[in-house]
Amino acid sequence: MKCDIVLAGVGGQGILTIAAILGKVAVAEQLHVKQSEIHGMSQRGGSVFAHLRLSSNPIFADQITPGAADMVVAMEPMEALRHRDTLAPQGTLITDKTPLVNIPDYPQEAQILEELRQDQRLLLLDTASLAKASGNPRNTNIVLLGAIANFLEMPPETLEKAIQQHFAKKGDDVVQAALQAFRLGKEAKST
């Protein structure tokens, strides 16, 4: 098994949570894990990305070269466009469809979505609606984690157990909403 994932978003959207949960599951599955330095976290609202490499064989570098990622997963569409060049030809581009307008000259939403929809590898999700349906509108990152799970050679039960452990201190309601968000993400179809 080998899977190279670029996770991208804006500070505060939960990129680190996705990376932490996937890393824990990979270790539990006795896989090798490398994660790059996270960039842009110094301020909320800044661009954040991480390279996460999972493999049954040793991994010697933590960075994913352009054109080699199995997945680019973005919390918002502009970040998907920004990191799309790291995606391998057979890779999958997973992104939320709702922009997070955090800069004055942010491009028009229709323009960004039109550009993304030209990519045949695209899984475009309405994570806000799915997260709201889960019982916690903040679970957009966990919805994306569910979508990621469809492309990994990891048992969904192991991912669900890691989600339970990650959110356990926040109470059963938070855990159950996160599990529901994960399941809704696994079942989601492109919009």
N, C-alpha and C. Protein backbone atom coordinates (compact mmCIF):
# COMPACT_ATOMS: atom_id res chain seq x y z
N MET A 1 0.84 -1.18 0.00
CA MET A 1 0.00 0.00 0.00
C MET A 1 0.88 1.24 0.00
N LYS A 2 0.52 2.21 -0.82
CA LYS A 2 1.18 3.51 -0.85
C LYS A 2 0.15 4.56 -1.17
N CYS A 3 0.14 5.63 -0.39
CA CYS A 3 -0.78 6.72 -0.66
C CYS A 3 -0.13 8.03 -0.22
N ASP A 4 0.03 8.93 -1.16
CA ASP A 4 0.57 10.26 -0.90
C ASP A 4 -0.58 11.26 -1.00
N ILE A 5 -0.79 12.01 0.09
CA ILE A 5 -1.93 12.92 0.17
C ILE A 5 -1.45 14.33 0.48
N VAL A 6 -1.92 15.29 -0.31
CA VAL A 6 -1.72 16.69 -0.01
C VAL A 6 -3.01 17.19 0.62
N LEU A 7 -2.92 17.72 1.83
CA LEU A 7 -4.06 18.29 2.54
C LEU A 7 -3.90 19.81 2.52
N ALA A 8 -4.92 20.52 2.07
CA ALA A 8 -4.80 21.97 1.94
C ALA A 8 -6.05 22.67 2.45
N GLY A 9 -5.85 23.84 3.00
CA GLY A 9 -6.97 24.63 3.48
C GLY A 9 -6.50 25.96 4.00
N VAL A 10 -7.30 26.50 4.89
CA VAL A 10 -7.03 27.78 5.51
C VAL A 10 -6.95 27.53 7.01
N GLY A 11 -6.08 28.25 7.68
CA GLY A 11 -5.89 28.06 9.11
C GLY A 11 -7.20 28.00 9.87
N GLY A 12 -7.36 27.00 10.73
CA GLY A 12 -8.56 26.83 11.53
C GLY A 12 -9.61 25.91 10.94
N GLN A 13 -9.39 25.38 9.74
CA GLN A 13 -10.38 24.52 9.11
C GLN A 13 -10.26 23.05 9.47
N GLY A 14 -9.19 22.63 10.12
CA GLY A 14 -9.09 21.25 10.56
C GLY A 14 -8.18 20.36 9.75
N ILE A 15 -7.26 20.92 9.01
CA ILE A 15 -6.30 20.12 8.25
C ILE A 15 -5.48 19.25 9.19
N LEU A 16 -5.05 19.82 10.31
CA LEU A 16 -4.24 19.06 11.26
C LEU A 16 -5.01 17.89 11.85
N THR A 17 -6.29 18.06 12.05
CA THR A 17 -7.12 16.96 12.58
C THR A 17 -7.17 15.80 11.60
N ILE A 18 -7.36 16.10 10.33
CA ILE A 18 -7.37 15.04 9.31
C ILE A 18 -6.03 14.31 9.32
N ALA A 19 -4.94 15.07 9.30
CA ALA A 19 -3.60 14.46 9.28
C ALA A 19 -3.36 13.61 10.53
N ALA A 20 -3.77 14.11 11.69
CA ALA A 20 -3.56 13.37 12.94
C ALA A 20 -4.32 12.05 12.95
N ILE A 21 -5.56 12.08 12.53
CA ILE A 21 -6.38 10.86 12.54
C ILE A 21 -5.82 9.85 11.53
N LEU A 22 -5.50 10.30 10.33
CA LEU A 22 -4.94 9.38 9.33
C LEU A 22 -3.59 8.82 9.80
N GLY A 23 -2.79 9.64 10.43
CA GLY A 23 -1.50 9.18 10.95
C GLY A 23 -1.66 8.11 12.01
N LYS A 24 -2.61 8.31 12.93
CA LYS A 24 -2.86 7.32 13.99
C LYS A 24 -3.32 5.99 13.39
N VAL A 25 -4.20 6.06 12.42
CA VAL A 25 -4.71 4.84 11.79
C VAL A 25 -3.58 4.13 11.04
N ALA A 26 -2.76 4.88 10.35
CA ALA A 26 -1.64 4.27 9.62
C ALA A 26 -0.70 3.54 10.56
N VAL A 27 -0.40 4.14 11.70
CA VAL A 27 0.47 3.49 12.69
C VAL A 27 -0.21 2.23 13.22
N ALA A 28 -1.52 2.31 13.50
CA ALA A 28 -2.26 1.14 13.99
C ALA A 28 -2.26 0.02 12.96
N GLU A 29 -2.23 0.38 11.69
CA GLU A 29 -2.20 -0.60 10.60
C GLU A 29 -0.78 -1.02 10.24
N GLN A 30 0.18 -0.60 11.05
CA GLN A 30 1.60 -0.91 10.89
C GLN A 30 2.17 -0.41 9.56
N LEU A 31 1.72 0.77 9.16
CA LEU A 31 2.23 1.41 7.96
C LEU A 31 3.30 2.42 8.35
N HIS A 32 4.14 2.75 7.40
CA HIS A 32 5.11 3.82 7.59
C HIS A 32 4.41 5.15 7.29
N VAL A 33 4.75 6.19 8.06
CA VAL A 33 4.10 7.49 7.92
C VAL A 33 5.16 8.58 7.91
N LYS A 34 5.01 9.52 7.00
CA LYS A 34 5.81 10.75 6.99
C LYS A 34 4.85 11.89 6.77
N GLN A 35 5.03 12.95 7.54
CA GLN A 35 4.22 14.15 7.37
C GLN A 35 5.14 15.34 7.28
N SER A 36 4.88 16.19 6.30
CA SER A 36 5.73 17.37 6.12
C SER A 36 5.40 18.42 7.15
N GLU A 37 6.25 19.43 7.15
CA GLU A 37 5.98 20.63 7.95
C GLU A 37 4.69 21.25 7.44
N ILE A 38 3.91 21.74 8.37
CA ILE A 38 2.67 22.43 8.01
C ILE A 38 3.02 23.90 7.78
N HIS A 39 2.54 24.44 6.68
CA HIS A 39 2.87 25.82 6.32
C HIS A 39 1.69 26.75 6.55
N GLY A 40 1.98 27.96 7.03
CA GLY A 40 0.96 29.00 7.10
C GLY A 40 0.10 28.98 8.35
N MET A 41 0.40 28.11 9.31
CA MET A 41 -0.45 28.01 10.49
C MET A 41 -0.29 29.18 11.45
N SER A 42 0.68 30.03 11.26
CA SER A 42 0.97 31.05 12.24
C SER A 42 -0.20 32.01 12.44
N GLN A 43 -1.08 32.10 11.49
CA GLN A 43 -2.25 32.95 11.71
C GLN A 43 -3.49 32.29 11.14
N ARG A 44 -4.57 32.41 11.89
CA ARG A 44 -5.84 31.89 11.42
C ARG A 44 -6.22 32.62 10.15
N GLY A 45 -6.67 31.89 9.16
CA GLY A 45 -7.06 32.50 7.91
C GLY A 45 -5.98 32.42 6.85
N GLY A 46 -4.76 32.02 7.24
CA GLY A 46 -3.67 31.87 6.28
C GLY A 46 -3.72 30.50 5.62
N SER A 47 -3.09 30.39 4.48
CA SER A 47 -3.04 29.12 3.75
C SER A 47 -2.26 28.08 4.56
N VAL A 48 -2.81 26.88 4.64
CA VAL A 48 -2.20 25.78 5.39
C VAL A 48 -2.16 24.56 4.46
N PHE A 49 -1.03 23.85 4.47
CA PHE A 49 -1.01 22.59 3.75
C PHE A 49 -0.02 21.64 4.39
N ALA A 50 -0.26 20.37 4.15
CA ALA A 50 0.62 19.33 4.67
C ALA A 50 0.72 18.23 3.63
N HIS A 51 1.86 17.58 3.60
CA HIS A 51 2.04 16.39 2.78
C HIS A 51 2.04 15.21 3.74
N LEU A 52 1.17 14.25 3.49
CA LEU A 52 1.05 13.06 4.31
C LEU A 52 1.33 11.85 3.43
N ARG A 53 2.35 11.08 3.80
CA ARG A 53 2.74 9.92 3.01
C ARG A 53 2.55 8.66 3.85
N LEU A 54 1.81 7.70 3.30
CA LEU A 54 1.51 6.44 3.97
C LEU A 54 1.99 5.31 3.06
N SER A 55 2.67 4.31 3.65
CA SER A 55 3.17 3.22 2.81
C SER A 55 3.46 1.99 3.65
N SER A 56 3.33 0.84 3.02
CA SER A 56 3.73 -0.40 3.68
C SER A 56 5.24 -0.59 3.59
N ASN A 57 5.91 0.19 2.75
CA ASN A 57 7.37 0.16 2.63
C ASN A 57 7.95 1.43 3.25
N PRO A 58 9.23 1.40 3.63
CA PRO A 58 9.84 2.61 4.20
C PRO A 58 9.71 3.81 3.27
N ILE A 59 9.56 4.98 3.88
CA ILE A 59 9.43 6.24 3.15
C ILE A 59 10.67 7.06 3.49
N PHE A 60 11.32 7.59 2.50
CA PHE A 60 12.57 8.30 2.75
C PHE A 60 12.45 9.81 2.70
N ALA A 61 11.38 10.34 2.14
CA ALA A 61 11.21 11.79 2.07
C ALA A 61 9.80 12.15 2.53
N ASP A 62 9.67 13.31 3.16
CA ASP A 62 8.34 13.70 3.63
C ASP A 62 7.60 14.59 2.63
N GLN A 63 8.29 15.08 1.61
CA GLN A 63 7.65 15.94 0.61
C GLN A 63 7.17 15.11 -0.58
N ILE A 64 6.04 15.51 -1.15
CA ILE A 64 5.49 14.87 -2.34
C ILE A 64 5.88 15.74 -3.54
N THR A 65 6.48 15.14 -4.52
CA THR A 65 6.92 15.90 -5.69
C THR A 65 5.72 16.27 -6.58
N PRO A 66 5.83 17.37 -7.31
CA PRO A 66 4.74 17.75 -8.22
C PRO A 66 4.39 16.60 -9.17
N GLY A 67 3.09 16.39 -9.34
CA GLY A 67 2.61 15.34 -10.23
C GLY A 67 2.62 13.95 -9.65
N ALA A 68 2.84 13.81 -8.32
CA ALA A 68 2.97 12.48 -7.73
C ALA A 68 1.93 12.15 -6.66
N ALA A 69 1.12 13.10 -6.24
CA ALA A 69 0.15 12.85 -5.16
C ALA A 69 -0.99 11.97 -5.64
N ASP A 70 -1.35 11.02 -4.80
CA ASP A 70 -2.50 10.17 -5.09
C ASP A 70 -3.81 10.92 -4.85
N MET A 71 -3.75 11.85 -3.91
CA MET A 71 -4.91 12.67 -3.59
C MET A 71 -4.48 14.08 -3.22
N VAL A 72 -5.26 15.04 -3.67
CA VAL A 72 -5.19 16.40 -3.14
C VAL A 72 -6.56 16.63 -2.53
N VAL A 73 -6.56 16.95 -1.25
CA VAL A 73 -7.80 17.15 -0.50
C VAL A 73 -7.79 18.58 0.02
N ALA A 74 -8.79 19.36 -0.40
CA ALA A 74 -8.82 20.77 -0.03
C ALA A 74 -10.10 21.12 0.71
N MET A 75 -9.95 21.96 1.71
CA MET A 75 -11.08 22.42 2.50
C MET A 75 -11.87 23.52 1.79
N GLU A 76 -11.31 24.05 0.70
CA GLU A 76 -12.01 25.08 -0.07
C GLU A 76 -11.43 25.11 -1.49
N PRO A 77 -12.20 25.57 -2.48
CA PRO A 77 -11.83 25.39 -3.88
C PRO A 77 -10.56 26.11 -4.34
N MET A 78 -10.27 27.29 -3.82
CA MET A 78 -9.06 27.99 -4.25
C MET A 78 -7.81 27.20 -3.85
N GLU A 79 -7.85 26.58 -2.68
CA GLU A 79 -6.72 25.75 -2.24
C GLU A 79 -6.59 24.50 -3.11
N ALA A 80 -7.72 23.99 -3.60
CA ALA A 80 -7.67 22.85 -4.52
C ALA A 80 -6.94 23.25 -5.81
N LEU A 81 -7.26 24.42 -6.34
CA LEU A 81 -6.57 24.90 -7.54
C LEU A 81 -5.10 25.15 -7.26
N ARG A 82 -4.80 25.70 -6.11
CA ARG A 82 -3.43 26.04 -5.76
C ARG A 82 -2.53 24.80 -5.70
N HIS A 83 -3.08 23.67 -5.27
CA HIS A 83 -2.27 22.46 -5.07
C HIS A 83 -2.51 21.37 -6.11
N ARG A 84 -3.34 21.66 -7.09
CA ARG A 84 -3.68 20.67 -8.11
C ARG A 84 -2.47 20.16 -8.88
N ASP A 85 -1.42 20.97 -9.01
CA ASP A 85 -0.24 20.54 -9.77
C ASP A 85 0.53 19.42 -9.09
N THR A 86 0.26 19.16 -7.82
CA THR A 86 0.93 18.05 -7.15
C THR A 86 0.26 16.70 -7.43
N LEU A 87 -0.92 16.73 -8.04
CA LEU A 87 -1.71 15.53 -8.27
C LEU A 87 -1.16 14.70 -9.43
N ALA A 88 -1.06 13.39 -9.20
CA ALA A 88 -0.65 12.45 -10.25
C ALA A 88 -1.76 12.35 -11.29
N PRO A 89 -1.43 11.96 -12.53
CA PRO A 89 -2.45 11.85 -13.57
C PRO A 89 -3.63 10.95 -13.18
N GLN A 90 -3.37 9.90 -12.42
CA GLN A 90 -4.44 8.98 -12.01
C GLN A 90 -4.98 9.33 -10.62
N GLY A 91 -4.54 10.46 -10.05
CA GLY A 91 -4.93 10.84 -8.70
C GLY A 91 -6.36 11.38 -8.62
N THR A 92 -6.77 11.67 -7.40
CA THR A 92 -8.12 12.17 -7.13
C THR A 92 -8.04 13.51 -6.44
N LEU A 93 -8.84 14.45 -6.91
CA LEU A 93 -8.93 15.79 -6.34
C LEU A 93 -10.25 15.89 -5.59
N ILE A 94 -10.17 16.05 -4.28
CA ILE A 94 -11.37 16.13 -3.44
C ILE A 94 -11.39 17.52 -2.81
N THR A 95 -12.51 18.23 -2.97
CA THR A 95 -12.60 19.56 -2.37
C THR A 95 -14.02 19.92 -1.99
N ASP A 96 -14.10 20.82 -1.02
CA ASP A 96 -15.37 21.45 -0.69
C ASP A 96 -15.68 22.45 -1.80
N LYS A 97 -16.95 22.65 -2.08
CA LYS A 97 -17.32 23.57 -3.16
C LYS A 97 -17.47 25.01 -2.69
N THR A 98 -17.51 25.24 -1.39
CA THR A 98 -17.76 26.58 -0.87
C THR A 98 -16.46 27.32 -0.58
N PRO A 99 -16.25 28.46 -1.24
CA PRO A 99 -15.04 29.23 -0.99
C PRO A 99 -15.02 29.86 0.40
N LEU A 100 -13.83 30.01 0.92
CA LEU A 100 -13.62 30.78 2.13
C LEU A 100 -12.91 32.05 1.68
N VAL A 101 -13.68 33.10 1.50
CA VAL A 101 -13.16 34.34 0.96
C VAL A 101 -12.40 35.07 2.07
N ASN A 102 -11.08 34.94 2.03
CA ASN A 102 -10.25 35.49 3.10
C ASN A 102 -9.25 36.53 2.60
N ILE A 103 -9.35 36.89 1.32
CA ILE A 103 -8.49 37.92 0.75
C ILE A 103 -9.35 38.85 -0.11
N PRO A 104 -8.96 40.11 -0.22
CA PRO A 104 -9.80 41.08 -0.95
C PRO A 104 -10.01 40.75 -2.42
N ASP A 105 -9.02 40.17 -3.09
CA ASP A 105 -9.14 39.90 -4.52
C ASP A 105 -9.43 38.43 -4.83
N TYR A 106 -10.17 37.79 -3.95
CA TYR A 106 -10.54 36.39 -4.15
C TYR A 106 -11.34 36.28 -5.45
N PRO A 107 -10.99 35.34 -6.34
CA PRO A 107 -11.71 35.20 -7.62
C PRO A 107 -13.20 34.85 -7.40
N GLN A 108 -13.98 35.07 -8.44
CA GLN A 108 -15.40 34.76 -8.40
C GLN A 108 -15.61 33.26 -8.21
N GLU A 109 -16.57 32.89 -7.36
CA GLU A 109 -16.85 31.48 -7.08
C GLU A 109 -17.14 30.69 -8.35
N ALA A 110 -17.95 31.25 -9.24
CA ALA A 110 -18.31 30.54 -10.48
C ALA A 110 -17.07 30.26 -11.32
N GLN A 111 -16.14 31.19 -11.36
CA GLN A 111 -14.91 31.03 -12.13
C GLN A 111 -14.06 29.88 -11.57
N ILE A 112 -13.94 29.82 -10.25
CA ILE A 112 -13.15 28.77 -9.60
C ILE A 112 -13.78 27.40 -9.85
N LEU A 113 -15.11 27.31 -9.65
CA LEU A 113 -15.79 26.03 -9.82
C LEU A 113 -15.74 25.57 -11.28
N GLU A 114 -15.86 26.50 -12.22
CA GLU A 114 -15.76 26.14 -13.64
C GLU A 114 -14.38 25.54 -13.94
N GLU A 115 -13.35 26.15 -13.40
CA GLU A 115 -11.98 25.64 -13.60
C GLU A 115 -11.83 24.25 -13.00
N LEU A 116 -12.35 24.05 -11.79
CA LEU A 116 -12.25 22.75 -11.14
C LEU A 116 -13.03 21.67 -11.89
N ARG A 117 -14.20 22.01 -12.36
CA ARG A 117 -15.05 21.01 -13.02
C ARG A 117 -14.47 20.52 -14.35
N GLN A 118 -13.47 21.18 -14.85
CA GLN A 118 -12.80 20.70 -16.07
C GLN A 118 -11.91 19.50 -15.77
N ASP A 119 -11.65 19.24 -14.51
CA ASP A 119 -10.78 18.14 -14.11
C ASP A 119 -11.61 16.88 -13.89
N GLN A 120 -11.37 15.85 -14.67
CA GLN A 120 -12.12 14.60 -14.58
C GLN A 120 -11.88 13.85 -13.28
N ARG A 121 -10.83 14.22 -12.57
CA ARG A 121 -10.47 13.53 -11.32
C ARG A 121 -11.17 14.12 -10.11
N LEU A 122 -12.09 15.04 -10.31
CA LEU A 122 -12.69 15.86 -9.24
C LEU A 122 -13.83 15.16 -8.51
N LEU A 123 -13.77 15.27 -7.17
CA LEU A 123 -14.90 14.93 -6.31
C LEU A 123 -15.22 16.22 -5.56
N LEU A 124 -16.26 16.93 -5.98
CA LEU A 124 -16.65 18.23 -5.44
C LEU A 124 -17.80 18.02 -4.47
N LEU A 125 -17.59 18.40 -3.21
CA LEU A 125 -18.58 18.11 -2.17
C LEU A 125 -19.14 19.36 -1.52
N ASP A 126 -20.36 19.26 -1.06
CA ASP A 126 -20.97 20.31 -0.25
C ASP A 126 -20.80 19.90 1.21
N THR A 127 -19.61 20.11 1.74
CA THR A 127 -19.31 19.63 3.09
C THR A 127 -20.11 20.37 4.15
N ALA A 128 -20.47 21.63 3.91
CA ALA A 128 -21.24 22.38 4.90
C ALA A 128 -22.60 21.72 5.14
N SER A 129 -23.28 21.35 4.07
CA SER A 129 -24.59 20.70 4.22
C SER A 129 -24.46 19.35 4.91
N LEU A 130 -23.45 18.59 4.52
CA LEU A 130 -23.25 17.27 5.12
C LEU A 130 -22.86 17.39 6.60
N ALA A 131 -22.01 18.35 6.91
CA ALA A 131 -21.62 18.56 8.32
C ALA A 131 -22.83 18.98 9.15
N LYS A 132 -23.65 19.85 8.60
CA LYS A 132 -24.87 20.27 9.32
C LYS A 132 -25.78 19.07 9.56
N ALA A 133 -25.91 18.21 8.55
CA ALA A 133 -26.74 17.01 8.69
C ALA A 133 -26.17 16.04 9.73
N SER A 134 -24.87 16.13 9.98
CA SER A 134 -24.25 15.24 10.97
C SER A 134 -24.57 15.66 12.40
N GLY A 135 -25.05 16.88 12.57
CA GLY A 135 -25.33 17.38 13.91
C GLY A 135 -24.31 18.38 14.41
N ASN A 136 -23.24 18.60 13.65
CA ASN A 136 -22.23 19.59 14.04
C ASN A 136 -21.70 20.25 12.77
N PRO A 137 -22.11 21.50 12.50
CA PRO A 137 -21.68 22.17 11.27
C PRO A 137 -20.18 22.40 11.17
N ARG A 138 -19.45 22.21 12.25
CA ARG A 138 -17.99 22.37 12.22
C ARG A 138 -17.27 21.13 11.68
N ASN A 139 -17.98 20.06 11.41
CA ASN A 139 -17.37 18.80 10.99
C ASN A 139 -17.08 18.70 9.49
N THR A 140 -16.87 19.81 8.82
CA THR A 140 -16.60 19.74 7.38
C THR A 140 -15.33 18.95 7.09
N ASN A 141 -14.33 19.07 7.96
CA ASN A 141 -13.10 18.31 7.75
C ASN A 141 -13.32 16.81 7.92
N ILE A 142 -14.20 16.42 8.81
CA ILE A 142 -14.48 15.00 9.02
C ILE A 142 -15.30 14.44 7.85
N VAL A 143 -16.14 15.28 7.25
CA VAL A 143 -16.83 14.87 6.02
C VAL A 143 -15.78 14.55 4.95
N LEU A 144 -14.78 15.42 4.80
CA LEU A 144 -13.72 15.16 3.82
C LEU A 144 -12.93 13.91 4.18
N LEU A 145 -12.71 13.67 5.46
CA LEU A 145 -12.03 12.45 5.89
C LEU A 145 -12.81 11.22 5.44
N GLY A 146 -14.13 11.27 5.52
CA GLY A 146 -14.96 10.17 5.03
C GLY A 146 -14.77 9.95 3.54
N ALA A 147 -14.70 11.04 2.78
CA ALA A 147 -14.48 10.92 1.33
C ALA A 147 -13.10 10.33 1.04
N ILE A 148 -12.10 10.73 1.81
CA ILE A 148 -10.74 10.20 1.65
C ILE A 148 -10.74 8.69 1.88
N ALA A 149 -11.50 8.24 2.87
CA ALA A 149 -11.51 6.83 3.26
C ALA A 149 -11.85 5.90 2.09
N ASN A 150 -12.64 6.39 1.15
CA ASN A 150 -13.01 5.57 0.00
C ASN A 150 -11.83 5.23 -0.90
N PHE A 151 -10.74 5.96 -0.76
CA PHE A 151 -9.57 5.76 -1.61
C PHE A 151 -8.38 5.15 -0.87
N LEU A 152 -8.59 4.77 0.38
CA LEU A 152 -7.52 4.20 1.20
C LEU A 152 -7.74 2.72 1.43
N GLU A 153 -6.65 2.01 1.58
CA GLU A 153 -6.72 0.59 1.93
C GLU A 153 -6.66 0.46 3.45
N MET A 154 -7.63 1.07 4.11
CA MET A 154 -7.72 1.02 5.57
C MET A 154 -9.15 0.67 5.94
N PRO A 155 -9.31 -0.19 6.93
CA PRO A 155 -10.68 -0.55 7.34
C PRO A 155 -11.42 0.66 7.91
N PRO A 156 -12.64 0.92 7.43
CA PRO A 156 -13.42 2.05 7.96
C PRO A 156 -13.60 1.98 9.48
N GLU A 157 -13.66 0.76 10.01
CA GLU A 157 -13.83 0.61 11.47
C GLU A 157 -12.63 1.19 12.22
N THR A 158 -11.44 1.02 11.66
CA THR A 158 -10.23 1.56 12.29
C THR A 158 -10.25 3.08 12.24
N LEU A 159 -10.71 3.63 11.13
CA LEU A 159 -10.85 5.09 11.03
C LEU A 159 -11.88 5.60 12.03
N GLU A 160 -13.01 4.90 12.14
CA GLU A 160 -14.03 5.32 13.09
C GLU A 160 -13.52 5.26 14.53
N LYS A 161 -12.75 4.24 14.85
CA LYS A 161 -12.17 4.12 16.19
C LYS A 161 -11.23 5.29 16.48
N ALA A 162 -10.43 5.67 15.49
CA ALA A 162 -9.52 6.81 15.65
C ALA A 162 -10.29 8.11 15.84
N ILE A 163 -11.40 8.26 15.13
CA ILE A 163 -12.25 9.45 15.30
C ILE A 163 -12.81 9.47 16.71
N GLN A 164 -13.29 8.33 17.18
CA GLN A 164 -13.81 8.26 18.56
C GLN A 164 -12.75 8.67 19.57
N GLN A 165 -11.55 8.14 19.42
CA GLN A 165 -10.47 8.47 20.35
C GLN A 165 -10.09 9.94 20.26
N HIS A 166 -10.05 10.48 19.05
CA HIS A 166 -9.64 11.87 18.87
C HIS A 166 -10.60 12.85 19.54
N PHE A 167 -11.90 12.55 19.48
CA PHE A 167 -12.90 13.47 20.01
C PHE A 167 -13.46 13.06 21.37
N ALA A 168 -12.96 11.98 21.96
CA ALA A 168 -13.52 11.43 23.21
C ALA A 168 -13.62 12.46 24.34
N LYS A 169 -12.63 13.30 24.49
CA LYS A 169 -12.62 14.28 25.58
C LYS A 169 -13.70 15.34 25.42
N LYS A 170 -14.27 15.44 24.24
CA LYS A 170 -15.27 16.48 23.98
C LYS A 170 -16.70 16.00 24.23
N GLY A 171 -16.85 14.74 24.59
CA GLY A 171 -18.17 14.22 24.93
C GLY A 171 -18.78 13.38 23.83
N ASP A 172 -19.76 12.56 24.24
CA ASP A 172 -20.38 11.60 23.33
C ASP A 172 -21.13 12.27 22.19
N ASP A 173 -21.77 13.42 22.43
CA ASP A 173 -22.49 14.10 21.35
C ASP A 173 -21.55 14.51 20.23
N VAL A 174 -20.37 15.01 20.61
CA VAL A 174 -19.37 15.43 19.62
C VAL A 174 -18.85 14.22 18.86
N VAL A 175 -18.60 13.14 19.59
CA VAL A 175 -18.11 11.90 18.96
C VAL A 175 -19.13 11.38 17.96
N GLN A 176 -20.39 11.30 18.36
CA GLN A 176 -21.42 10.76 17.48
C GLN A 176 -21.62 11.62 16.24
N ALA A 177 -21.55 12.95 16.40
CA ALA A 177 -21.67 13.84 15.25
C ALA A 177 -20.49 13.65 14.30
N ALA A 178 -19.30 13.49 14.85
CA ALA A 178 -18.11 13.27 14.02
C ALA A 178 -18.22 11.96 13.25
N LEU A 179 -18.68 10.91 13.91
CA LEU A 179 -18.85 9.62 13.24
C LEU A 179 -19.90 9.73 12.12
N GLN A 180 -20.97 10.46 12.39
CA GLN A 180 -22.00 10.65 11.36
C GLN A 180 -21.43 11.45 10.18
N ALA A 181 -20.63 12.48 10.46
CA ALA A 181 -20.01 13.28 9.39
C ALA A 181 -19.10 12.40 8.54
N PHE A 182 -18.33 11.53 9.19
CA PHE A 182 -17.44 10.60 8.48
C PHE A 182 -18.26 9.71 7.55
N ARG A 183 -19.34 9.15 8.06
CA ARG A 183 -20.18 8.24 7.26
C ARG A 183 -20.84 8.98 6.09
N LEU A 184 -21.31 10.21 6.34
CA LEU A 184 -21.91 10.99 5.26
C LEU A 184 -20.87 11.32 4.19
N GLY A 185 -19.64 11.60 4.60
CA GLY A 185 -18.57 11.86 3.65
C GLY A 185 -18.24 10.64 2.81
N LYS A 186 -18.28 9.46 3.42
CA LYS A 186 -18.01 8.21 2.68
C LYS A 186 -19.07 7.97 1.61
N GLU A 187 -20.30 8.37 1.89
CA GLU A 187 -21.41 8.13 0.97
C GLU A 187 -21.60 9.25 -0.04
N ALA A 188 -20.91 10.37 0.13
CA ALA A 188 -21.15 11.58 -0.67
C ALA A 188 -20.78 11.38 -2.14
N LYS A 189 -21.55 12.01 -2.97
CA LYS A 189 -21.30 12.03 -4.41
C LYS A 189 -20.95 13.45 -4.82
N SER A 190 -20.26 13.59 -5.92
CA SER A 190 -19.84 14.89 -6.41
C SER A 190 -21.06 15.73 -6.79
N THR A 191 -20.98 17.05 -6.48
CA THR A 191 -22.09 17.94 -6.81
C THR A 191 -21.88 18.61 -8.15
